[in-house]
Structure formats: C-alpha cells, structure tokens
C-alpha cells in the first residue's frame, strides 16, 4: 500500500491542470496517509478521468457521474470547501 500511496501522491500533485494540482494535491498531502484501501483504489481509478471533468466535479460546477460518485471524490470536494 505504501507504493500506491506514493504513486497517488505524485499523480495528485502533478496533474494536467495547475488548479487540480492544488485541489487534489492539497487533499493528498493532508489526507492520503489515513485513507482506507478502498478509497485509495477509488482515487487511483478517478485519476484516469479527464482533468477538466475532475475540476468541474470537485468544485461542484458539474454533477459527479453515478459510477464515479464515491466517498473519496466527495471527501476531496469537501476538503476543498473548507
């Protein structure tokens, strides 16, 4: 799991959009260590999506599709509202 956390941390801080680096990277730096395995796997899957869509979903500007509406994307969105 540590290798997965390291990979996810890198991916969350090196995305295609600087805005997502801030949104996802900030979340990853603060929360990644405490995420359960299911959330880590969901995050890994989520990061395969288009950067623009990720930005719109996390900022609430576009509804999250049912298949991607997992606890981890909602945690990221809530983390960035604070």
C-alpha atoms as a PDB file:
ATOM      1  CA  UNK A   1       0.000   0.000   0.000  1.00  0.00           C
ATOM      2  CA  UNK A   2       2.872   2.411   0.627  1.00  0.00           C
ATOM      3  CA  UNK A   3       3.892   2.205  -3.035  1.00  0.00           C
ATOM      4  CA  UNK A   4       0.307   3.002  -4.039  1.00  0.00           C
ATOM      5  CA  UNK A   5       0.190   5.990  -1.670  1.00  0.00           C
ATOM      6  CA  UNK A   6       3.464   7.333  -3.089  1.00  0.00           C
ATOM      7  CA  UNK A   7       2.224   6.893  -6.649  1.00  0.00           C
ATOM      8  CA  UNK A   8      -1.077   8.609  -5.834  1.00  0.00           C
ATOM      9  CA  UNK A   9       0.685  11.484  -4.082  1.00  0.00           C
ATOM     10  CA  UNK A  10       2.815  12.084  -7.146  1.00  0.00           C
ATOM     11  CA  UNK A  11      -0.143  11.872  -9.510  1.00  0.00           C
ATOM     12  CA  UNK A  12      -2.269  14.208  -7.357  1.00  0.00           C
ATOM     13  CA  UNK A  13       0.463  16.833  -7.287  1.00  0.00           C
ATOM     14  CA  UNK A  14       1.426  16.526 -10.971  1.00  0.00           C
ATOM     15  CA  UNK A  15      -1.835  16.665 -12.877  1.00  0.00           C
ATOM     16  CA  UNK A  16      -2.538  18.314 -16.231  1.00  0.00           C
ATOM     17  CA  UNK A  17      -4.089  21.445 -14.718  1.00  0.00           C
ATOM     18  CA  UNK A  18      -2.419  23.586 -12.061  1.00  0.00           C
ATOM     19  CA  UNK A  19      -5.825  24.042 -10.410  1.00  0.00           C
ATOM     20  CA  UNK A  20      -6.094  20.275  -9.956  1.00  0.00           C
ATOM     21  CA  UNK A  21      -2.570  20.155  -8.545  1.00  0.00           C
ATOM     22  CA  UNK A  22      -3.852  22.468  -5.818  1.00  0.00           C
ATOM     23  CA  UNK A  23      -7.209  20.721  -5.263  1.00  0.00           C
ATOM     24  CA  UNK A  24      -6.056  17.112  -5.440  1.00  0.00           C
ATOM     25  CA  UNK A  25      -2.511  17.719  -4.229  1.00  0.00           C
ATOM     26  CA  UNK A  26      -3.631  19.584  -1.132  1.00  0.00           C
ATOM     27  CA  UNK A  27      -6.052  16.805  -0.302  1.00  0.00           C
ATOM     28  CA  UNK A  28      -3.429  14.119  -0.913  1.00  0.00           C
ATOM     29  CA  UNK A  29      -0.812  15.828   1.237  1.00  0.00           C
ATOM     30  CA  UNK A  30      -3.260  16.185   4.126  1.00  0.00           C
ATOM     31  CA  UNK A  31      -5.370  13.032   3.895  1.00  0.00           C
ATOM     32  CA  UNK A  32      -3.685  10.297   1.845  1.00  0.00           C
ATOM     33  CA  UNK A  33      -1.982   8.674   4.820  1.00  0.00           C
ATOM     34  CA  UNK A  34      -5.282   7.949   6.541  1.00  0.00           C
ATOM     35  CA  UNK A  35      -7.337   6.769   3.579  1.00  0.00           C
ATOM     36  CA  UNK A  36      -8.558   3.168   3.659  1.00  0.00           C
ATOM     37  CA  UNK A  37      -7.584   0.836   0.828  1.00  0.00           C
ATOM     38  CA  UNK A  38     -10.992   1.130  -0.897  1.00  0.00           C
ATOM     39  CA  UNK A  39     -10.613   4.919  -1.119  1.00  0.00           C
ATOM     40  CA  UNK A  40      -7.061   4.594  -2.428  1.00  0.00           C
ATOM     41  CA  UNK A  41      -8.248   2.299  -5.197  1.00  0.00           C
ATOM     42  CA  UNK A  42     -11.167   4.603  -5.992  1.00  0.00           C
ATOM     43  CA  UNK A  43      -8.792   7.571  -6.154  1.00  0.00           C
ATOM     44  CA  UNK A  44      -6.467   5.683  -8.475  1.00  0.00           C
ATOM     45  CA  UNK A  45      -9.392   4.940 -10.771  1.00  0.00           C
ATOM     46  CA  UNK A  46     -10.691   8.506 -10.544  1.00  0.00           C
ATOM     47  CA  UNK A  47      -7.352   9.946 -11.667  1.00  0.00           C
ATOM     48  CA  UNK A  48      -7.793   8.246 -15.031  1.00  0.00           C
ATOM     49  CA  UNK A  49     -10.576  10.710 -15.846  1.00  0.00           C
ATOM     50  CA  UNK A  50     -10.210  13.932 -17.838  1.00  0.00           C
ATOM     51  CA  UNK A  51      -8.634  16.783 -15.833  1.00  0.00           C
ATOM     52  CA  UNK A  52     -11.292  19.298 -16.827  1.00  0.00           C
ATOM     53  CA  UNK A  53     -14.075  16.951 -15.692  1.00  0.00           C
ATOM     54  CA  UNK A  54     -12.284  16.283 -12.408  1.00  0.00           C
ATOM     55  CA  UNK A  55     -12.030  20.002 -11.788  1.00  0.00           C
ATOM     56  CA  UNK A  56     -15.719  20.571 -12.540  1.00  0.00           C
ATOM     57  CA  UNK A  57     -16.839  17.676 -10.342  1.00  0.00           C
ATOM     58  CA  UNK A  58     -14.694  18.596  -7.346  1.00  0.00           C
ATOM     59  CA  UNK A  59     -15.691  22.261  -7.491  1.00  0.00           C
ATOM     60  CA  UNK A  60     -19.376  21.370  -7.792  1.00  0.00           C
ATOM     61  CA  UNK A  61     -19.797  23.011 -11.188  1.00  0.00           C
ATOM     62  CA  UNK A  62     -20.869  19.739 -12.751  1.00  0.00           C
ATOM     63  CA  UNK A  63     -22.631  16.722 -11.236  1.00  0.00           C
ATOM     64  CA  UNK A  64     -20.443  13.731 -10.498  1.00  0.00           C
ATOM     65  CA  UNK A  65     -21.478  10.756 -12.650  1.00  0.00           C
ATOM     66  CA  UNK A  66     -23.067   7.910 -10.696  1.00  0.00           C
ATOM     67  CA  UNK A  67     -20.260   5.472 -11.448  1.00  0.00           C
ATOM     68  CA  UNK A  68     -17.666   7.882 -10.045  1.00  0.00           C
ATOM     69  CA  UNK A  69     -19.628   9.275  -7.115  1.00  0.00           C
ATOM     70  CA  UNK A  70     -17.571   7.559  -4.425  1.00  0.00           C
ATOM     71  CA  UNK A  71     -16.769   8.618  -0.873  1.00  0.00           C
ATOM     72  CA  UNK A  72     -13.258   9.706  -1.896  1.00  0.00           C
ATOM     73  CA  UNK A  73     -14.379  12.238  -4.533  1.00  0.00           C
ATOM     74  CA  UNK A  74     -16.816  13.667  -2.015  1.00  0.00           C
ATOM     75  CA  UNK A  75     -14.016  13.886   0.573  1.00  0.00           C
ATOM     76  CA  UNK A  76     -11.868  15.764  -1.929  1.00  0.00           C
ATOM     77  CA  UNK A  77     -14.718  18.151  -2.719  1.00  0.00           C
ATOM     78  CA  UNK A  78     -15.481  18.749   0.975  1.00  0.00           C
ATOM     79  CA  UNK A  79     -11.801  19.178   1.818  1.00  0.00           C
ATOM     80  CA  UNK A  80     -11.549  21.966  -0.736  1.00  0.00           C
ATOM     81  CA  UNK A  81     -14.680  23.764   0.519  1.00  0.00           C
ATOM     82  CA  UNK A  82     -13.081  24.391   3.897  1.00  0.00           C
END
